[in-house]
Amino acid sequence: ETESIKDVPDALTIDTNARFRCFLEKVTGYTAK
């Protein structure tokens, strides 16, 4: 469950998304694709 913060710099959103995808891959074993 995620709750996002609106109006954050694009660089912060990109960094957060990359870290989130990293987390999901390590935990589930599946890549984003």
Full PDB file with SEQRES, HELIX, SHEET, SSBOND, CRYST1, ORIGX, SCALE, CONECT and MASTER records, all heavy atoms in Angstrom:
SEQRES   1 A   33  GLU THR GLU SER ILE LYS ASP VAL PRO ASP ALA LEU THR          
SEQRES   2 A   33  ILE ASP THR ASN ALA ARG PHE ARG CYS PHE LEU GLU LYS          
SEQRES   3 A   33  VAL THR GLY TYR THR ALA LYS                                  
HELIX    1 AA1 ASP A   10  THR A   28  1                                  19    
CRYST1    1.000    1.000    1.000  90.00  90.00  90.00 P 1           1          
ORIGX1      1.000000  0.000000  0.000000        0.00000                         
ORIGX2      0.000000  1.000000  0.000000        0.00000                         
ORIGX3      0.000000  0.000000  1.000000        0.00000                         
SCALE1      1.000000  0.000000  0.000000        0.00000                         
SCALE2      0.000000  1.000000  0.000000        0.00000                         
SCALE3      0.000000  0.000000  1.000000        0.00000                         
ATOM      1  N   GLU A   1       0.867  -1.183   0.000  1.00  0.00           N  
ATOM      2  CA  GLU A   1       0.000   0.000   0.000  1.00  0.00           C  
ATOM      3  C   GLU A   1       0.898   1.226   0.000  1.00  0.00           C  
ATOM      4  O   GLU A   1       1.796   1.347   0.829  1.00  0.00           O  
ATOM      5  CB  GLU A   1      -0.876  -0.001   1.246  1.00  0.00           C  
ATOM      6  CG  GLU A   1      -1.797   1.189   1.351  1.00  0.00           C  
ATOM      7  CD  GLU A   1      -2.644   1.141   2.612  1.00  0.00           C  
ATOM      8  OE1 GLU A   1      -2.940   0.047   3.110  1.00  0.00           O  
ATOM      9  OE2 GLU A   1      -3.002   2.233   3.097  1.00  0.00           O  
ATOM     10  N   THR A   2       0.682   2.097  -0.968  1.00  0.00           N  
ATOM     11  CA  THR A   2       1.502   3.303  -1.054  1.00  0.00           C  
ATOM     12  C   THR A   2       0.624   4.543  -1.028  1.00  0.00           C  
ATOM     13  O   THR A   2      -0.478   4.550  -1.562  1.00  0.00           O  
ATOM     14  CB  THR A   2       2.353   3.326  -2.348  1.00  0.00           C  
ATOM     15  OG1 THR A   2       1.494   3.200  -3.477  1.00  0.00           O  
ATOM     16  CG2 THR A   2       3.380   2.219  -2.352  1.00  0.00           C  
ATOM     17  N   GLU A   3       1.161   5.569  -0.404  1.00  0.00           N  
ATOM     18  CA  GLU A   3       0.537   6.890  -0.419  1.00  0.00           C  
ATOM     19  C   GLU A   3       1.597   7.852  -0.932  1.00  0.00           C  
ATOM     20  O   GLU A   3       2.650   8.015  -0.321  1.00  0.00           O  
ATOM     21  CB  GLU A   3       0.076   7.294   0.972  1.00  0.00           C  
ATOM     22  CG  GLU A   3      -0.637   8.626   0.992  1.00  0.00           C  
ATOM     23  CD  GLU A   3      -1.136   9.008   2.380  1.00  0.00           C  
ATOM     24  OE1 GLU A   3      -1.069   8.192   3.306  1.00  0.00           O  
ATOM     25  OE2 GLU A   3      -1.589  10.160   2.515  1.00  0.00           O  
ATOM     26  N   SER A   4       1.326   8.459  -2.077  1.00  0.00           N  
ATOM     27  CA  SER A   4       2.297   9.336  -2.731  1.00  0.00           C  
ATOM     28  C   SER A   4       2.164  10.772  -2.266  1.00  0.00           C  
ATOM     29  O   SER A   4       1.095  11.207  -1.826  1.00  0.00           O  
ATOM     30  CB  SER A   4       2.094   9.307  -4.243  1.00  0.00           C  
ATOM     31  OG  SER A   4       2.228   7.999  -4.720  1.00  0.00           O  
ATOM     32  N   ILE A   5       3.269  11.491  -2.394  1.00  0.00           N  
ATOM     33  CA  ILE A   5       3.278  12.934  -2.140  1.00  0.00           C  
ATOM     34  C   ILE A   5       3.171  13.620  -3.497  1.00  0.00           C  
ATOM     35  O   ILE A   5       3.933  13.324  -4.407  1.00  0.00           O  
ATOM     36  CB  ILE A   5       4.579  13.368  -1.435  1.00  0.00           C  
ATOM     37  CG1 ILE A   5       4.753  12.637  -0.102  1.00  0.00           C  
ATOM     38  CG2 ILE A   5       4.596  14.883  -1.240  1.00  0.00           C  
ATOM     39  CD1 ILE A   5       6.103  12.845   0.537  1.00  0.00           C  
ATOM     40  N   LYS A   6       2.230  14.515  -3.617  1.00  0.00           N  
ATOM     41  CA  LYS A   6       2.081  15.257  -4.870  1.00  0.00           C  
ATOM     42  C   LYS A   6       3.063  16.414  -4.900  1.00  0.00           C  
ATOM     43  O   LYS A   6       3.563  16.858  -3.878  1.00  0.00           O  
ATOM     44  CB  LYS A   6       0.651  15.779  -5.000  1.00  0.00           C  
ATOM     45  CG  LYS A   6      -0.365  14.679  -5.120  1.00  0.00           C  
ATOM     46  CD  LYS A   6      -1.754  15.247  -5.234  1.00  0.00           C  
ATOM     47  CE  LYS A   6      -2.757  14.109  -5.305  1.00  0.00           C  
ATOM     48  NZ  LYS A   6      -4.121  14.574  -5.373  1.00  0.00           N  
ATOM     49  N   ASP A   7       3.310  16.909  -6.079  1.00  0.00           N  
ATOM     50  CA  ASP A   7       4.137  18.099  -6.267  1.00  0.00           C  
ATOM     51  C   ASP A   7       5.553  17.951  -5.703  1.00  0.00           C  
ATOM     52  O   ASP A   7       6.025  18.795  -4.943  1.00  0.00           O  
ATOM     53  CB  ASP A   7       3.457  19.337  -5.655  1.00  0.00           C  
ATOM     54  CG  ASP A   7       2.088  19.599  -6.253  1.00  0.00           C  
ATOM     55  OD1 ASP A   7       1.933  19.363  -7.469  1.00  0.00           O  
ATOM     56  OD2 ASP A   7       1.189  20.020  -5.515  1.00  0.00           O  
ATOM     57  N   VAL A   8       6.202  16.861  -6.068  1.00  0.00           N  
ATOM     58  CA  VAL A   8       7.620  16.691  -5.714  1.00  0.00           C  
ATOM     59  C   VAL A   8       8.431  16.837  -7.006  1.00  0.00           C  
ATOM     60  O   VAL A   8       7.909  16.633  -8.103  1.00  0.00           O  
ATOM     61  CB  VAL A   8       7.906  15.330  -5.049  1.00  0.00           C  
ATOM     62  CG1 VAL A   8       7.189  15.226  -3.719  1.00  0.00           C  
ATOM     63  CG2 VAL A   8       7.531  14.178  -5.939  1.00  0.00           C  
ATOM     64  N   PRO A   9       9.684  17.192  -6.918  1.00  0.00           N  
ATOM     65  CA  PRO A   9      10.501  17.321  -8.126  1.00  0.00           C  
ATOM     66  C   PRO A   9      10.563  16.007  -8.911  1.00  0.00           C  
ATOM     67  O   PRO A   9      10.535  14.923  -8.332  1.00  0.00           O  
ATOM     68  CB  PRO A   9      11.885  17.677  -7.580  1.00  0.00           C  
ATOM     69  CG  PRO A   9      11.651  18.220  -6.213  1.00  0.00           C  
ATOM     70  CD  PRO A   9      10.427  17.527  -5.701  1.00  0.00           C  
ATOM     71  N   ASP A  10      10.642  16.130 -10.230  1.00  0.00           N  
ATOM     72  CA  ASP A  10      10.684  14.953 -11.097  1.00  0.00           C  
ATOM     73  C   ASP A  10      11.830  14.019 -10.734  1.00  0.00           C  
ATOM     74  O   ASP A  10      11.669  12.799 -10.736  1.00  0.00           O  
ATOM     75  CB  ASP A  10      10.812  15.362 -12.562  1.00  0.00           C  
ATOM     76  CG  ASP A  10       9.537  15.986 -13.106  1.00  0.00           C  
ATOM     77  OD1 ASP A  10       8.470  15.832 -12.468  1.00  0.00           O  
ATOM     78  OD2 ASP A  10       9.605  16.632 -14.177  1.00  0.00           O  
ATOM     79  N   ALA A  11      12.979  14.580 -10.406  1.00  0.00           N  
ATOM     80  CA  ALA A  11      14.145  13.755 -10.058  1.00  0.00           C  
ATOM     81  C   ALA A  11      13.848  12.892  -8.831  1.00  0.00           C  
ATOM     82  O   ALA A  11      14.269  11.725  -8.775  1.00  0.00           O  
ATOM     83  CB  ALA A  11      15.361  14.627  -9.809  1.00  0.00           C  
ATOM     84  N   LEU A  12      13.118  13.411  -7.867  1.00  0.00           N  
ATOM     85  CA  LEU A  12      12.771  12.655  -6.665  1.00  0.00           C  
ATOM     86  C   LEU A  12      11.790  11.541  -7.004  1.00  0.00           C  
ATOM     87  O   LEU A  12      11.916  10.418  -6.500  1.00  0.00           O  
ATOM     88  CB  LEU A  12      12.188  13.579  -5.596  1.00  0.00           C  
ATOM     89  CG  LEU A  12      11.873  12.933  -4.252  1.00  0.00           C  
ATOM     90  CD1 LEU A  12      13.127  12.330  -3.628  1.00  0.00           C  
ATOM     91  CD2 LEU A  12      11.250  13.960  -3.312  1.00  0.00           C  
ATOM     92  N   THR A  13      10.829  11.825  -7.867  1.00  0.00           N  
ATOM     93  CA  THR A  13       9.877  10.807  -8.295  1.00  0.00           C  
ATOM     94  C   THR A  13      10.589   9.681  -9.036  1.00  0.00           C  
ATOM     95  O   THR A  13      10.333   8.498  -8.774  1.00  0.00           O  
ATOM     96  CB  THR A  13       8.794  11.426  -9.205  1.00  0.00           C  
ATOM     97  OG1 THR A  13       8.117  12.455  -8.473  1.00  0.00           O  
ATOM     98  CG2 THR A  13       7.792  10.392  -9.675  1.00  0.00           C  
ATOM     99  N   ILE A  14      11.495  10.017  -9.935  1.00  0.00           N  
ATOM    100  CA  ILE A  14      12.241   9.015 -10.704  1.00  0.00           C  
ATOM    101  C   ILE A  14      13.087   8.155  -9.775  1.00  0.00           C  
ATOM    102  O   ILE A  14      13.115   6.924  -9.899  1.00  0.00           O  
ATOM    103  CB  ILE A  14      13.094   9.692 -11.795  1.00  0.00           C  
ATOM    104  CG1 ILE A  14      12.171  10.280 -12.859  1.00  0.00           C  
ATOM    105  CG2 ILE A  14      14.095   8.723 -12.408  1.00  0.00           C  
ATOM    106  CD1 ILE A  14      12.857  11.241 -13.819  1.00  0.00           C  
ATOM    107  N   ASP A  15      13.775   8.785  -8.836  1.00  0.00           N  
ATOM    108  CA  ASP A  15      14.602   8.051  -7.879  1.00  0.00           C  
ATOM    109  C   ASP A  15      13.746   7.105  -7.031  1.00  0.00           C  
ATOM    110  O   ASP A  15      14.099   5.942  -6.846  1.00  0.00           O  
ATOM    111  CB  ASP A  15      15.365   9.018  -6.972  1.00  0.00           C  
ATOM    112  CG  ASP A  15      16.146   8.293  -5.901  1.00  0.00           C  
ATOM    113  OD1 ASP A  15      17.094   7.563  -6.247  1.00  0.00           O  
ATOM    114  OD2 ASP A  15      15.803   8.457  -4.703  1.00  0.00           O  
ATOM    115  N   THR A  16      12.622   7.598  -6.536  1.00  0.00           N  
ATOM    116  CA  THR A  16      11.737   6.780  -5.699  1.00  0.00           C  
ATOM    117  C   THR A  16      11.199   5.591  -6.494  1.00  0.00           C  
ATOM    118  O   THR A  16      11.175   4.467  -5.993  1.00  0.00           O  
ATOM    119  CB  THR A  16      10.574   7.626  -5.145  1.00  0.00           C  
ATOM    120  OG1 THR A  16      11.109   8.742  -4.425  1.00  0.00           O  
ATOM    121  CG2 THR A  16       9.689   6.817  -4.220  1.00  0.00           C  
ATOM    122  N   ASN A  17      10.789   5.830  -7.742  1.00  0.00           N  
ATOM    123  CA  ASN A  17      10.275   4.738  -8.573  1.00  0.00           C  
ATOM    124  C   ASN A  17      11.340   3.686  -8.849  1.00  0.00           C  
ATOM    125  O   ASN A  17      11.060   2.486  -8.821  1.00  0.00           O  
ATOM    126  CB  ASN A  17       9.717   5.278  -9.893  1.00  0.00           C  
ATOM    127  CG  ASN A  17       8.393   5.980  -9.714  1.00  0.00           C  
ATOM    128  OD1 ASN A  17       7.685   5.762  -8.734  1.00  0.00           O  
ATOM    129  ND2 ASN A  17       8.047   6.833 -10.659  1.00  0.00           N  
ATOM    130  N   ALA A  18      12.562   4.107  -9.117  1.00  0.00           N  
ATOM    131  CA  ALA A  18      13.652   3.162  -9.372  1.00  0.00           C  
ATOM    132  C   ALA A  18      13.914   2.311  -8.130  1.00  0.00           C  
ATOM    133  O   ALA A  18      14.122   1.095  -8.227  1.00  0.00           O  
ATOM    134  CB  ALA A  18      14.914   3.905  -9.779  1.00  0.00           C  
ATOM    135  N   ARG A  19      13.906   2.929  -6.974  1.00  0.00           N  
ATOM    136  CA  ARG A  19      14.132   2.198  -5.724  1.00  0.00           C  
ATOM    137  C   ARG A  19      12.984   1.225  -5.443  1.00  0.00           C  
ATOM    138  O   ARG A  19      13.195   0.107  -4.977  1.00  0.00           O  
ATOM    139  CB  ARG A  19      14.319   3.166  -4.559  1.00  0.00           C  
ATOM    140  CG  ARG A  19      15.636   3.916  -4.642  1.00  0.00           C  
ATOM    141  CD  ARG A  19      15.703   5.025  -3.600  1.00  0.00           C  
ATOM    142  NE  ARG A  19      16.897   5.814  -3.740  1.00  0.00           N  
ATOM    143  CZ  ARG A  19      18.042   5.578  -3.095  1.00  0.00           C  
ATOM    144  NH1 ARG A  19      18.129   4.564  -2.268  1.00  0.00           N  
ATOM    145  NH2 ARG A  19      19.081   6.364  -3.278  1.00  0.00           N  
ATOM    146  N   PHE A  20      11.758   1.651  -5.757  1.00  0.00           N  
ATOM    147  CA  PHE A  20      10.591   0.801  -5.560  1.00  0.00           C  
ATOM    148  C   PHE A  20      10.671  -0.430  -6.466  1.00  0.00           C  
ATOM    149  O   PHE A  20      10.409  -1.554  -6.034  1.00  0.00           O  
ATOM    150  CB  PHE A  20       9.317   1.612  -5.820  1.00  0.00           C  
ATOM    151  CG  PHE A  20       8.049   0.850  -5.560  1.00  0.00           C  
ATOM    152  CD1 PHE A  20       7.699   0.468  -4.280  1.00  0.00           C  
ATOM    153  CD2 PHE A  20       7.201   0.527  -6.603  1.00  0.00           C  
ATOM    154  CE1 PHE A  20       6.523  -0.224  -4.036  1.00  0.00           C  
ATOM    155  CE2 PHE A  20       6.029  -0.164  -6.380  1.00  0.00           C  
ATOM    156  CZ  PHE A  20       5.685  -0.545  -5.089  1.00  0.00           C  
ATOM    157  N   ARG A  21      11.047  -0.229  -7.728  1.00  0.00           N  
ATOM    158  CA  ARG A  21      11.201  -1.361  -8.664  1.00  0.00           C  
ATOM    159  C   ARG A  21      12.310  -2.304  -8.206  1.00  0.00           C  
ATOM    160  O   ARG A  21      12.176  -3.525  -8.295  1.00  0.00           O  
ATOM    161  CB  ARG A  21      11.465  -0.863 -10.083  1.00  0.00           C  
ATOM    162  CG  ARG A  21      10.235  -0.241 -10.739  1.00  0.00           C  
ATOM    163  CD  ARG A  21      10.450   0.035 -12.219  1.00  0.00           C  
ATOM    164  NE  ARG A  21      11.650   0.813 -12.496  1.00  0.00           N  
ATOM    165  CZ  ARG A  21      11.723   2.136 -12.506  1.00  0.00           C  
ATOM    166  NH1 ARG A  21      10.653   2.845 -12.254  1.00  0.00           N  
ATOM    167  NH2 ARG A  21      12.858   2.752 -12.782  1.00  0.00           N  
ATOM    168  N   CYS A  22      13.402  -1.746  -7.699  1.00  0.00           N  
ATOM    169  CA  CYS A  22      14.501  -2.543  -7.142  1.00  0.00           C  
ATOM    170  C   CYS A  22      13.974  -3.416  -6.004  1.00  0.00           C  
ATOM    171  O   CYS A  22      14.235  -4.625  -5.950  1.00  0.00           O  
ATOM    172  CB  CYS A  22      15.611  -1.616  -6.653  1.00  0.00           C  
ATOM    173  SG  CYS A  22      16.872  -2.409  -5.623  1.00  0.00           S  
ATOM    174  N   PHE A  23      13.220  -2.810  -5.099  1.00  0.00           N  
ATOM    175  CA  PHE A  23      12.643  -3.526  -3.967  1.00  0.00           C  
ATOM    176  C   PHE A  23      11.759  -4.677  -4.434  1.00  0.00           C  
ATOM    177  O   PHE A  23      11.896  -5.817  -3.968  1.00  0.00           O  
ATOM    178  CB  PHE A  23      11.845  -2.550  -3.092  1.00  0.00           C  
ATOM    179  CG  PHE A  23      10.945  -3.224  -2.108  1.00  0.00           C  
ATOM    180  CD1 PHE A  23      11.461  -3.794  -0.952  1.00  0.00           C  
ATOM    181  CD2 PHE A  23       9.582  -3.300  -2.348  1.00  0.00           C  
ATOM    182  CE1 PHE A  23      10.630  -4.434  -0.049  1.00  0.00           C  
ATOM    183  CE2 PHE A  23       8.745  -3.939  -1.450  1.00  0.00           C  
ATOM    184  CZ  PHE A  23       9.267  -4.514  -0.296  1.00  0.00           C  
ATOM    185  N   LEU A  24      10.853  -4.389  -5.365  1.00  0.00           N  
ATOM    186  CA  LEU A  24       9.929  -5.426  -5.833  1.00  0.00           C  
ATOM    187  C   LEU A  24      10.669  -6.593  -6.482  1.00  0.00           C  
ATOM    188  O   LEU A  24      10.320  -7.753  -6.267  1.00  0.00           O  
ATOM    189  CB  LEU A  24       8.920  -4.836  -6.820  1.00  0.00           C  
ATOM    190  CG  LEU A  24       7.859  -3.912  -6.225  1.00  0.00           C  
ATOM    191  CD1 LEU A  24       6.993  -3.324  -7.328  1.00  0.00           C  
ATOM    192  CD2 LEU A  24       7.019  -4.638  -5.191  1.00  0.00           C  
ATOM    193  N   GLU A  25      11.695  -6.292  -7.256  1.00  0.00           N  
ATOM    194  CA  GLU A  25      12.442  -7.363  -7.913  1.00  0.00           C  
ATOM    195  C   GLU A  25      13.160  -8.241  -6.887  1.00  0.00           C  
ATOM    196  O   GLU A  25      13.155  -9.465  -7.001  1.00  0.00           O  
ATOM    197  CB  GLU A  25      13.439  -6.794  -8.911  1.00  0.00           C  
ATOM    198  CG  GLU A  25      14.135  -7.874  -9.714  1.00  0.00           C  
ATOM    199  CD  GLU A  25      14.953  -7.337 -10.864  1.00  0.00           C  
ATOM    200  OE1 GLU A  25      14.766  -6.176 -11.275  1.00  0.00           O  
ATOM    201  OE2 GLU A  25      15.793  -8.102 -11.375  1.00  0.00           O  
ATOM    202  N   LYS A  26      13.765  -7.633  -5.882  1.00  0.00           N  
ATOM    203  CA  LYS A  26      14.487  -8.399  -4.865  1.00  0.00           C  
ATOM    204  C   LYS A  26      13.546  -9.265  -4.029  1.00  0.00           C  
ATOM    205  O   LYS A  26      13.898 -10.363  -3.626  1.00  0.00           O  
ATOM    206  CB  LYS A  26      15.289  -7.476  -3.955  1.00  0.00           C  
ATOM    207  CG  LYS A  26      16.523  -6.893  -4.623  1.00  0.00           C  
ATOM    208  CD  LYS A  26      17.322  -6.052  -3.656  1.00  0.00           C  
ATOM    209  CE  LYS A  26      18.535  -5.440  -4.279  1.00  0.00           C  
ATOM    210  NZ  LYS A  26      19.490  -6.394  -4.799  1.00  0.00           N  
ATOM    211  N   VAL A  27      12.343  -8.772  -3.772  1.00  0.00           N  
ATOM    212  CA  VAL A  27      11.411  -9.512  -2.914  1.00  0.00           C  
ATOM    213  C   VAL A  27      10.626 -10.563  -3.700  1.00  0.00           C  
ATOM    214  O   VAL A  27      10.491 -11.702  -3.241  1.00  0.00           O  
ATOM    215  CB  VAL A  27      10.438  -8.552  -2.189  1.00  0.00           C  
ATOM    216  CG1 VAL A  27       9.393  -9.330  -1.406  1.00  0.00           C  
ATOM    217  CG2 VAL A  27      11.207  -7.644  -1.254  1.00  0.00           C  
ATOM    218  N   THR A  28      10.119 -10.204  -4.874  1.00  0.00           N  
ATOM    219  CA  THR A  28       9.266 -11.138  -5.619  1.00  0.00           C  
ATOM    220  C   THR A  28      10.046 -12.057  -6.548  1.00  0.00           C  
ATOM    221  O   THR A  28       9.563 -13.125  -6.898  1.00  0.00           O  
ATOM    222  CB  THR A  28       8.225 -10.388  -6.477  1.00  0.00           C  
ATOM    223  OG1 THR A  28       8.897  -9.651  -7.507  1.00  0.00           O  
ATOM    224  CG2 THR A  28       7.364  -9.475  -5.622  1.00  0.00           C  
ATOM    225  N   GLY A  29      11.230 -11.625  -6.968  1.00  0.00           N  
ATOM    226  CA  GLY A  29      12.008 -12.416  -7.913  1.00  0.00           C  
ATOM    227  C   GLY A  29      11.672 -12.122  -9.361  1.00  0.00           C  
ATOM    228  O   GLY A  29      12.288 -12.672 -10.270  1.00  0.00           O  
ATOM    229  N   TYR A  30      10.699 -11.257  -9.593  1.00  0.00           N  
ATOM    230  CA  TYR A  30      10.289 -10.904 -10.957  1.00  0.00           C  
ATOM    231  C   TYR A  30      10.792  -9.512 -11.329  1.00  0.00           C  
ATOM    232  O   TYR A  30      10.713  -8.586 -10.521  1.00  0.00           O  
ATOM    233  CB  TYR A  30       8.761 -10.910 -11.091  1.00  0.00           C  
ATOM    234  CG  TYR A  30       8.142 -12.279 -11.026  1.00  0.00           C  
ATOM    235  CD1 TYR A  30       7.312 -12.636  -9.978  1.00  0.00           C  
ATOM    236  CD2 TYR A  30       8.368 -13.216 -12.030  1.00  0.00           C  
ATOM    237  CE1 TYR A  30       6.722 -13.887  -9.915  1.00  0.00           C  
ATOM    238  CE2 TYR A  30       7.785 -14.469 -11.976  1.00  0.00           C  
ATOM    239  CZ  TYR A  30       6.966 -14.802 -10.917  1.00  0.00           C  
ATOM    240  OH  TYR A  30       6.398 -16.046 -10.871  1.00  0.00           O  
ATOM    241  N   THR A  31      11.246  -9.364 -12.569  1.00  0.00           N  
ATOM    242  CA  THR A  31      11.628  -8.050 -13.083  1.00  0.00           C  
ATOM    243  C   THR A  31      10.358  -7.246 -13.363  1.00  0.00           C  
ATOM    244  O   THR A  31       9.249  -7.795 -13.371  1.00  0.00           O  
ATOM    245  CB  THR A  31      12.433  -8.166 -14.386  1.00  0.00           C  
ATOM    246  OG1 THR A  31      11.583  -8.741 -15.392  1.00  0.00           O  
ATOM    247  CG2 THR A  31      13.681  -9.021 -14.210  1.00  0.00           C  
ATOM    248  N   ALA A  32      10.529  -5.965 -13.647  1.00  0.00           N  
ATOM    249  CA  ALA A  32       9.378  -5.109 -13.968  1.00  0.00           C  
ATOM    250  C   ALA A  32       8.633  -5.655 -15.187  1.00  0.00           C  
ATOM    251  O   ALA A  32       7.397  -5.680 -15.210  1.00  0.00           O  
ATOM    252  CB  ALA A  32       9.836  -3.679 -14.208  1.00  0.00           C  
ATOM    253  N   LYS A  33       9.369  -6.100 -16.184  1.00  0.00           N  
ATOM    254  CA  LYS A  33       8.759  -6.643 -17.396  1.00  0.00           C  
ATOM    255  C   LYS A  33       7.953  -7.909 -17.073  1.00  0.00           C  
ATOM    256  O   LYS A  33       6.830  -8.077 -17.546  1.00  0.00           O  
ATOM    257  CB  LYS A  33       9.849  -6.953 -18.423  1.00  0.00           C  
ATOM    258  CG  LYS A  33       9.328  -7.392 -19.760  1.00  0.00           C  
ATOM    259  CD  LYS A  33      10.472  -7.560 -20.745  1.00  0.00           C  
ATOM    260  CE  LYS A  33       9.956  -7.954 -22.110  1.00  0.00           C  
ATOM    261  NZ  LYS A  33      11.038  -8.066 -23.088  1.00  0.00           N  
TER     262      LYS A  33                                                      
MASTER        0    0    0    1    0    0    0    6  261    1    0    3          
END                                                                             
